[in-house]
Amino acid sequence: MASVVYGQVQADQCTVKASYTGLTAGARYTVTLPAGSVHSVSGDVYNTEVSWGFTTAGGAVTVQPGEQIALLETMGYLDKGASATYRISLPANGTLKATLSTGSTLRAYLYLHAAADPSNYITYVYAAGGETKELVRGDLAAGDYLLRVYVYSRDDYGPYSLKVWDTFPPVVKSTDPRDGATWVNVKARITVTFNEAIEPGPALSQCINPNYLRRGGIL
């Protein structure tokens, strides 16, 4: 039966740091960061569970880095007949959610295009002067997309604001010790780095629970 180890955990910017004492030399350990441990600063989207292992000196599930979504929050001004285009990268299959708000003198469309096919749009919304409209598309594949704000007619002009919401959970970019590491110092600090800024979630406190660090590599 695998033995367990107690520790202390803290979250700072994109990093979760766990401090454990009393690790045994030449021993195999498995670390588990439970689902719900952290969530995006820009949205209430929580991480999925991840586990990896290492062996101390004396004696990783390999986590693929994720691409941070190009979150966008911008304001602009469109002259008559003008348009503005923004490039968005989706790190995984999922949903794109954007909101367009227009000034009182501006009627505008918000078009969504695949970056590889900018001449055809996937979907769009229309915002009359002074309105806020939401564009949501939930069947998109990972990749690059274009959001284009286009005036309704040549008589329209004015300010607008555009925001693209984070609908993707934080993805583990790296761990230290890395998965499968050997000769790890028994006093090493265990670190999980995500692909975006994070905030603590309700499950993070479980990391000090013995169920989430066990000697022997099997939970």
C-alpha atoms as a PDB file:
ATOM      1  CA  MET A   1       0.000   0.000   0.000  1.00  0.00           C
ATOM      2  CA  ALA A   2       1.398   3.403  -0.922  1.00  0.00           C
ATOM      3  CA  SER A   3       2.340   5.721   1.929  1.00  0.00           C
ATOM      4  CA  VAL A   4       1.231   9.357   1.966  1.00  0.00           C
ATOM      5  CA  VAL A   5       2.972  12.696   2.538  1.00  0.00           C
ATOM      6  CA  TYR A   6       1.536  15.942   3.931  1.00  0.00           C
ATOM      7  CA  GLY A   7       2.534  19.347   2.570  1.00  0.00           C
ATOM      8  CA  GLN A   8       1.631  23.000   2.066  1.00  0.00           C
ATOM      9  CA  VAL A   9       0.341  24.538  -1.178  1.00  0.00           C
ATOM     10  CA  GLN A  10       0.133  28.073  -2.530  1.00  0.00           C
ATOM     11  CA  ALA A  11      -0.880  29.610  -5.883  1.00  0.00           C
ATOM     12  CA  ASP A  12       0.835  32.669  -7.372  1.00  0.00           C
ATOM     13  CA  GLN A  13       0.304  34.070 -10.889  1.00  0.00           C
ATOM     14  CA  CYS A  14       0.645  31.052 -13.228  1.00  0.00           C
ATOM     15  CA  THR A  15       2.302  28.748 -10.682  1.00  0.00           C
ATOM     16  CA  VAL A  16       1.157  26.375  -7.949  1.00  0.00           C
ATOM     17  CA  LYS A  17       3.922  25.584  -5.449  1.00  0.00           C
ATOM     18  CA  ALA A  18       3.784  22.698  -3.005  1.00  0.00           C
ATOM     19  CA  SER A  19       6.296  22.196  -0.193  1.00  0.00           C
ATOM     20  CA  TYR A  20       6.740  18.736   1.282  1.00  0.00           C
ATOM     21  CA  THR A  21       9.214  17.593   3.911  1.00  0.00           C
ATOM     22  CA  GLY A  22      10.429  14.175   4.842  1.00  0.00           C
ATOM     23  CA  LEU A  23      10.620  12.676   1.365  1.00  0.00           C
ATOM     24  CA  THR A  24      12.544   9.412   1.247  1.00  0.00           C
ATOM     25  CA  ALA A  25      15.725   9.069  -0.804  1.00  0.00           C
ATOM     26  CA  GLY A  26      15.464   6.820  -3.848  1.00  0.00           C
ATOM     27  CA  ALA A  27      11.670   6.659  -3.656  1.00  0.00           C
ATOM     28  CA  ARG A  28       9.061   7.001  -6.373  1.00  0.00           C
ATOM     29  CA  TYR A  29       6.311   9.608  -5.792  1.00  0.00           C
ATOM     30  CA  THR A  30       3.126  10.481  -7.646  1.00  0.00           C
ATOM     31  CA  VAL A  31       1.683  14.002  -7.423  1.00  0.00           C
ATOM     32  CA  THR A  32      -1.968  14.748  -8.213  1.00  0.00           C
ATOM     33  CA  LEU A  33      -3.423  18.213  -8.720  1.00  0.00           C
ATOM     34  CA  PRO A  34      -7.185  17.654  -8.452  1.00  0.00           C
ATOM     35  CA  ALA A  35      -9.737  19.160 -10.789  1.00  0.00           C
ATOM     36  CA  GLY A  36     -11.010  22.479  -9.487  1.00  0.00           C
ATOM     37  CA  SER A  37      -7.709  23.464  -7.873  1.00  0.00           C
ATOM     38  CA  VAL A  38      -7.351  26.688  -9.866  1.00  0.00           C
ATOM     39  CA  HIS A  39      -9.371  28.765 -12.300  1.00  0.00           C
ATOM     40  CA  SER A  40      -8.640  31.428 -14.896  1.00  0.00           C
ATOM     41  CA  VAL A  41      -8.326  35.000 -13.681  1.00  0.00           C
ATOM     42  CA  SER A  42     -10.343  36.123 -16.694  1.00  0.00           C
ATOM     43  CA  GLY A  43     -13.118  33.560 -16.270  1.00  0.00           C
ATOM     44  CA  ASP A  44     -14.598  31.063 -13.835  1.00  0.00           C
ATOM     45  CA  VAL A  45     -13.146  28.072 -15.703  1.00  0.00           C
ATOM     46  CA  TYR A  46     -11.380  25.425 -13.609  1.00  0.00           C
ATOM     47  CA  ASN A  47      -8.517  23.068 -14.404  1.00  0.00           C
ATOM     48  CA  THR A  48      -8.898  19.358 -15.018  1.00  0.00           C
ATOM     49  CA  GLU A  49      -7.077  16.835 -12.817  1.00  0.00           C
ATOM     50  CA  VAL A  50      -3.438  16.082 -13.663  1.00  0.00           C
ATOM     51  CA  SER A  51      -0.962  13.600 -12.177  1.00  0.00           C
ATOM     52  CA  TRP A  52       2.740  12.983 -12.704  1.00  0.00           C
ATOM     53  CA  GLY A  53       5.554  11.113 -10.985  1.00  0.00           C
ATOM     54  CA  PHE A  54       9.214  11.491 -10.009  1.00  0.00           C
ATOM     55  CA  THR A  55      11.921   9.619  -8.125  1.00  0.00           C
ATOM     56  CA  THR A  56      14.075  11.255  -5.432  1.00  0.00           C
ATOM     57  CA  ALA A  57      17.868  11.161  -5.481  1.00  0.00           C
ATOM     58  CA  GLY A  58      19.664   8.296  -3.712  1.00  0.00           C
ATOM     59  CA  GLY A  59      18.094   5.682  -4.761  1.00  0.00           C
ATOM     60  CA  ALA A  60       5.817  12.131 -15.709  1.00  0.00           C
ATOM     61  CA  VAL A  61       2.592  11.506 -17.021  1.00  0.00           C
ATOM     62  CA  THR A  62       4.081  13.752 -19.735  1.00  0.00           C
ATOM     63  CA  VAL A  63       2.107  16.965 -19.674  1.00  0.00           C
ATOM     64  CA  GLN A  64       1.894  18.606 -23.063  1.00  0.00           C
ATOM     65  CA  PRO A  65       2.072  22.409 -22.921  1.00  0.00           C
ATOM     66  CA  GLY A  66      -1.070  24.250 -23.960  1.00  0.00           C
ATOM     67  CA  GLU A  67      -1.325  27.389 -26.028  1.00  0.00           C
ATOM     68  CA  GLN A  68      -2.818  30.351 -24.242  1.00  0.00           C
ATOM     69  CA  ILE A  69      -5.937  31.667 -25.899  1.00  0.00           C
ATOM     70  CA  ALA A  70      -5.381  35.165 -27.267  1.00  0.00           C
ATOM     71  CA  LEU A  71      -7.941  36.788 -24.968  1.00  0.00           C
ATOM     72  CA  LEU A  72      -9.018  40.144 -26.264  1.00  0.00           C
ATOM     73  CA  GLU A  73     -10.525  43.207 -24.612  1.00  0.00           C
ATOM     74  CA  THR A  74     -10.256  46.284 -26.775  1.00  0.00           C
ATOM     75  CA  MET A  75     -11.953  49.541 -27.703  1.00  0.00           C
ATOM     76  CA  GLY A  76     -11.848  51.220 -31.082  1.00  0.00           C
ATOM     77  CA  TYR A  77     -13.410  53.770 -33.405  1.00  0.00           C
ATOM     78  CA  LEU A  78     -14.702  53.073 -36.883  1.00  0.00           C
ATOM     79  CA  ASP A  79     -15.007  55.763 -39.521  1.00  0.00           C
ATOM     80  CA  LYS A  80     -17.629  55.519 -42.236  1.00  0.00           C
ATOM     81  CA  GLY A  81     -17.100  52.407 -44.339  1.00  0.00           C
ATOM     82  CA  ALA A  82     -14.294  51.077 -42.132  1.00  0.00           C
ATOM     83  CA  SER A  83     -13.696  47.726 -40.459  1.00  0.00           C
ATOM     84  CA  ALA A  84     -11.349  46.203 -37.877  1.00  0.00           C
ATOM     85  CA  THR A  85     -10.055  42.618 -37.775  1.00  0.00           C
ATOM     86  CA  TYR A  86      -8.689  40.655 -34.798  1.00  0.00           C
ATOM     87  CA  ARG A  87      -6.969  37.269 -34.784  1.00  0.00           C
ATOM     88  CA  ILE A  88      -7.925  34.750 -32.078  1.00  0.00           C
ATOM     89  CA  SER A  89      -6.219  31.425 -31.320  1.00  0.00           C
ATOM     90  CA  LEU A  90      -8.278  28.605 -29.800  1.00  0.00           C
ATOM     91  CA  PRO A  91      -6.065  26.145 -27.878  1.00  0.00           C
ATOM     92  CA  ALA A  92      -8.533  23.252 -28.130  1.00  0.00           C
ATOM     93  CA  ASN A  93     -11.848  22.248 -29.652  1.00  0.00           C
ATOM     94  CA  GLY A  94     -14.608  24.192 -27.976  1.00  0.00           C
ATOM     95  CA  THR A  95     -16.556  27.421 -27.755  1.00  0.00           C
ATOM     96  CA  LEU A  96     -15.730  30.958 -28.790  1.00  0.00           C
ATOM     97  CA  LYS A  97     -17.673  33.664 -26.980  1.00  0.00           C
ATOM     98  CA  ALA A  98     -17.371  37.357 -27.836  1.00  0.00           C
ATOM     99  CA  THR A  99     -19.376  40.497 -27.087  1.00  0.00           C
ATOM    100  CA  LEU A 100     -19.625  43.617 -29.227  1.00  0.00           C
ATOM    101  CA  SER A 101     -20.855  46.935 -27.812  1.00  0.00           C
ATOM    102  CA  THR A 102     -21.460  49.904 -30.118  1.00  0.00           C
ATOM    103  CA  GLY A 103     -21.757  53.642 -29.584  1.00  0.00           C
ATOM    104  CA  SER A 104     -25.009  55.431 -30.270  1.00  0.00           C
ATOM    105  CA  THR A 105     -23.994  56.448 -33.824  1.00  0.00           C
ATOM    106  CA  LEU A 106     -22.571  53.068 -34.857  1.00  0.00           C
ATOM    107  CA  ARG A 107     -24.434  50.091 -36.246  1.00  0.00           C
ATOM    108  CA  ALA A 108     -22.049  47.206 -36.864  1.00  0.00           C
ATOM    109  CA  TYR A 109     -21.677  43.509 -37.643  1.00  0.00           C
ATOM    110  CA  LEU A 110     -19.320  41.156 -35.833  1.00  0.00           C
ATOM    111  CA  TYR A 111     -18.252  38.362 -38.193  1.00  0.00           C
ATOM    112  CA  LEU A 112     -16.381  35.169 -37.285  1.00  0.00           C
ATOM    113  CA  HIS A 113     -14.101  33.656 -39.945  1.00  0.00           C
ATOM    114  CA  ALA A 114     -11.631  30.791 -40.038  1.00  0.00           C
ATOM    115  CA  ALA A 115      -8.214  32.402 -40.521  1.00  0.00           C
ATOM    116  CA  ALA A 116      -7.538  29.984 -43.371  1.00  0.00           C
ATOM    117  CA  ASP A 117     -10.741  31.044 -45.150  1.00  0.00           C
ATOM    118  CA  PRO A 118     -11.285  34.761 -44.478  1.00  0.00           C
ATOM    119  CA  SER A 119     -13.598  35.239 -47.449  1.00  0.00           C
ATOM    120  CA  ASN A 120     -16.365  33.151 -45.853  1.00  0.00           C
ATOM    121  CA  TYR A 121     -17.896  33.755 -42.450  1.00  0.00           C
ATOM    122  CA  ILE A 122     -18.917  31.087 -39.925  1.00  0.00           C
ATOM    123  CA  THR A 123     -21.462  33.187 -38.067  1.00  0.00           C
ATOM    124  CA  TYR A 124     -22.194  36.809 -37.194  1.00  0.00           C
ATOM    125  CA  VAL A 125     -24.207  39.113 -34.960  1.00  0.00           C
ATOM    126  CA  TYR A 126     -25.586  42.610 -35.574  1.00  0.00           C
ATOM    127  CA  ALA A 127     -25.508  45.413 -32.984  1.00  0.00           C
ATOM    128  CA  ALA A 128     -27.617  48.518 -33.487  1.00  0.00           C
ATOM    129  CA  GLY A 129     -26.446  51.853 -32.111  1.00  0.00           C
ATOM    130  CA  GLY A 130     -25.913  51.655 -28.366  1.00  0.00           C
ATOM    131  CA  GLU A 131     -26.458  47.881 -28.204  1.00  0.00           C
ATOM    132  CA  THR A 132     -24.392  44.994 -26.836  1.00  0.00           C
ATOM    133  CA  LYS A 133     -24.635  41.682 -28.675  1.00  0.00           C
ATOM    134  CA  GLU A 134     -23.064  38.320 -27.904  1.00  0.00           C
ATOM    135  CA  LEU A 135     -21.586  35.944 -30.457  1.00  0.00           C
ATOM    136  CA  VAL A 136     -21.258  32.325 -29.321  1.00  0.00           C
ATOM    137  CA  ARG A 137     -20.122  29.379 -31.454  1.00  0.00           C
ATOM    138  CA  GLY A 138     -19.655  26.050 -29.695  1.00  0.00           C
ATOM    139  CA  ASP A 139     -18.484  23.614 -32.377  1.00  0.00           C
ATOM    140  CA  LEU A 140     -15.134  25.108 -33.335  1.00  0.00           C
ATOM    141  CA  ALA A 141     -11.950  23.130 -33.845  1.00  0.00           C
ATOM    142  CA  ALA A 142      -8.667  24.259 -32.337  1.00  0.00           C
ATOM    143  CA  GLY A 143      -6.923  26.806 -34.536  1.00  0.00           C
ATOM    144  CA  ASP A 144      -6.825  30.424 -35.624  1.00  0.00           C
ATOM    145  CA  TYR A 145      -9.898  32.545 -36.269  1.00  0.00           C
ATOM    146  CA  LEU A 146     -10.667  36.112 -37.288  1.00  0.00           C
ATOM    147  CA  LEU A 147     -13.210  38.428 -35.675  1.00  0.00           C
ATOM    148  CA  ARG A 148     -14.153  41.317 -37.911  1.00  0.00           C
ATOM    149  CA  VAL A 149     -16.098  44.408 -36.833  1.00  0.00           C
ATOM    150  CA  TYR A 150     -17.704  45.964 -39.899  1.00  0.00           C
ATOM    151  CA  VAL A 151     -19.920  49.060 -40.131  1.00  0.00           C
ATOM    152  CA  TYR A 152     -23.510  48.461 -41.189  1.00  0.00           C
ATOM    153  CA  SER A 153     -23.496  51.207 -43.827  1.00  0.00           C
ATOM    154  CA  ARG A 154     -21.296  54.021 -45.087  1.00  0.00           C
ATOM    155  CA  ASP A 155     -23.285  56.421 -42.930  1.00  0.00           C
ATOM    156  CA  ASP A 156     -22.331  54.657 -39.686  1.00  0.00           C
ATOM    157  CA  TYR A 157     -19.372  55.640 -37.541  1.00  0.00           C
ATOM    158  CA  GLY A 158     -18.392  55.732 -33.891  1.00  0.00           C
ATOM    159  CA  PRO A 159     -16.774  53.879 -30.977  1.00  0.00           C
ATOM    160  CA  TYR A 160     -17.088  50.203 -30.114  1.00  0.00           C
ATOM    161  CA  SER A 161     -15.722  47.717 -27.612  1.00  0.00           C
ATOM    162  CA  LEU A 162     -14.991  44.056 -28.207  1.00  0.00           C
ATOM    163  CA  LYS A 163     -14.264  41.341 -25.684  1.00  0.00           C
ATOM    164  CA  VAL A 164     -13.401  37.687 -26.250  1.00  0.00           C
ATOM    165  CA  TRP A 165     -14.128  35.555 -23.221  1.00  0.00           C
ATOM    166  CA  ASP A 166     -11.955  32.760 -21.875  1.00  0.00           C
ATOM    167  CA  THR A 167     -13.976  29.546 -22.226  1.00  0.00           C
ATOM    168  CA  PHE A 168     -11.047  27.141 -21.866  1.00  0.00           C
ATOM    169  CA  PRO A 169      -9.703  25.699 -18.593  1.00  0.00           C
ATOM    170  CA  PRO A 170      -6.107  26.311 -17.523  1.00  0.00           C
ATOM    171  CA  VAL A 171      -3.750  23.749 -19.064  1.00  0.00           C
ATOM    172  CA  VAL A 172      -0.648  22.433 -17.300  1.00  0.00           C
ATOM    173  CA  LYS A 173       2.388  23.695 -19.223  1.00  0.00           C
ATOM    174  CA  SER A 174       5.128  22.135 -17.127  1.00  0.00           C
ATOM    175  CA  THR A 175       5.851  20.423 -13.821  1.00  0.00           C
ATOM    176  CA  ASP A 176       8.928  20.438 -11.633  1.00  0.00           C
ATOM    177  CA  PRO A 177      10.080  17.775 -11.013  1.00  0.00           C
ATOM    178  CA  ARG A 178       9.134  16.724 -14.522  1.00  0.00           C
ATOM    179  CA  ASP A 179       7.234  13.503 -15.065  1.00  0.00           C
ATOM    180  CA  GLY A 180       9.560  10.525 -14.768  1.00  0.00           C
ATOM    181  CA  ALA A 181      12.410  12.565 -13.229  1.00  0.00           C
ATOM    182  CA  THR A 182      14.991  10.673 -11.171  1.00  0.00           C
ATOM    183  CA  TRP A 183      17.516  11.777  -8.578  1.00  0.00           C
ATOM    184  CA  VAL A 184      15.165  14.479  -7.352  1.00  0.00           C
ATOM    185  CA  ASN A 185      16.374  16.249  -4.218  1.00  0.00           C
ATOM    186  CA  VAL A 186      14.309  15.147  -1.223  1.00  0.00           C
ATOM    187  CA  LYS A 187      13.879  18.831  -0.321  1.00  0.00           C
ATOM    188  CA  ALA A 188      12.702  19.825  -3.801  1.00  0.00           C
ATOM    189  CA  ARG A 189       9.691  22.135  -4.124  1.00  0.00           C
ATOM    190  CA  ILE A 190       6.961  20.666  -6.323  1.00  0.00           C
ATOM    191  CA  THR A 191       5.783  23.188  -8.921  1.00  0.00           C
ATOM    192  CA  VAL A 192       2.956  23.126 -11.484  1.00  0.00           C
ATOM    193  CA  THR A 193       2.990  25.895 -14.123  1.00  0.00           C
ATOM    194  CA  PHE A 194      -0.102  26.632 -16.216  1.00  0.00           C
ATOM    195  CA  ASN A 195      -0.446  28.291 -19.621  1.00  0.00           C
ATOM    196  CA  GLU A 196      -2.300  31.312 -18.224  1.00  0.00           C
ATOM    197  CA  ALA A 197      -2.751  33.333 -15.068  1.00  0.00           C
ATOM    198  CA  ILE A 198      -4.732  31.449 -12.412  1.00  0.00           C
ATOM    199  CA  GLU A 199      -6.484  31.955  -9.111  1.00  0.00           C
ATOM    200  CA  PRO A 200      -6.985  29.365  -6.336  1.00  0.00           C
ATOM    201  CA  GLY A 201     -10.069  27.148  -6.624  1.00  0.00           C
ATOM    202  CA  PRO A 202     -11.881  25.244  -3.874  1.00  0.00           C
ATOM    203  CA  ALA A 203     -10.058  21.972  -4.576  1.00  0.00           C
ATOM    204  CA  LEU A 204      -6.570  23.452  -4.229  1.00  0.00           C
ATOM    205  CA  SER A 205      -6.617  22.900  -0.470  1.00  0.00           C
ATOM    206  CA  GLN A 206      -6.956  19.181  -1.175  1.00  0.00           C
ATOM    207  CA  CYS A 207      -3.343  19.171  -2.377  1.00  0.00           C
ATOM    208  CA  ILE A 208      -2.237  19.056   1.274  1.00  0.00           C
ATOM    209  CA  ASN A 209      -4.461  16.004   1.662  1.00  0.00           C
ATOM    210  CA  PRO A 210      -2.352  12.813   1.723  1.00  0.00           C
ATOM    211  CA  ASN A 211      -4.389  11.379  -1.148  1.00  0.00           C
ATOM    212  CA  TYR A 212      -2.599  13.731  -3.574  1.00  0.00           C
ATOM    213  CA  LEU A 213       1.026  12.795  -2.895  1.00  0.00           C
ATOM    214  CA  ARG A 214       1.814   9.133  -2.342  1.00  0.00           C
ATOM    215  CA  ARG A 215       5.021   7.198  -2.274  1.00  0.00           C
ATOM    216  CA  GLY A 216       5.059   4.254  -4.618  1.00  0.00           C
ATOM    217  CA  GLY A 217       3.392   5.845  -7.615  1.00  0.00           C
ATOM    218  CA  ILE A 218      -0.063   4.290  -7.260  1.00  0.00           C
ATOM    219  CA  LEU A 219      -3.045   6.121  -5.832  1.00  0.00           C
END
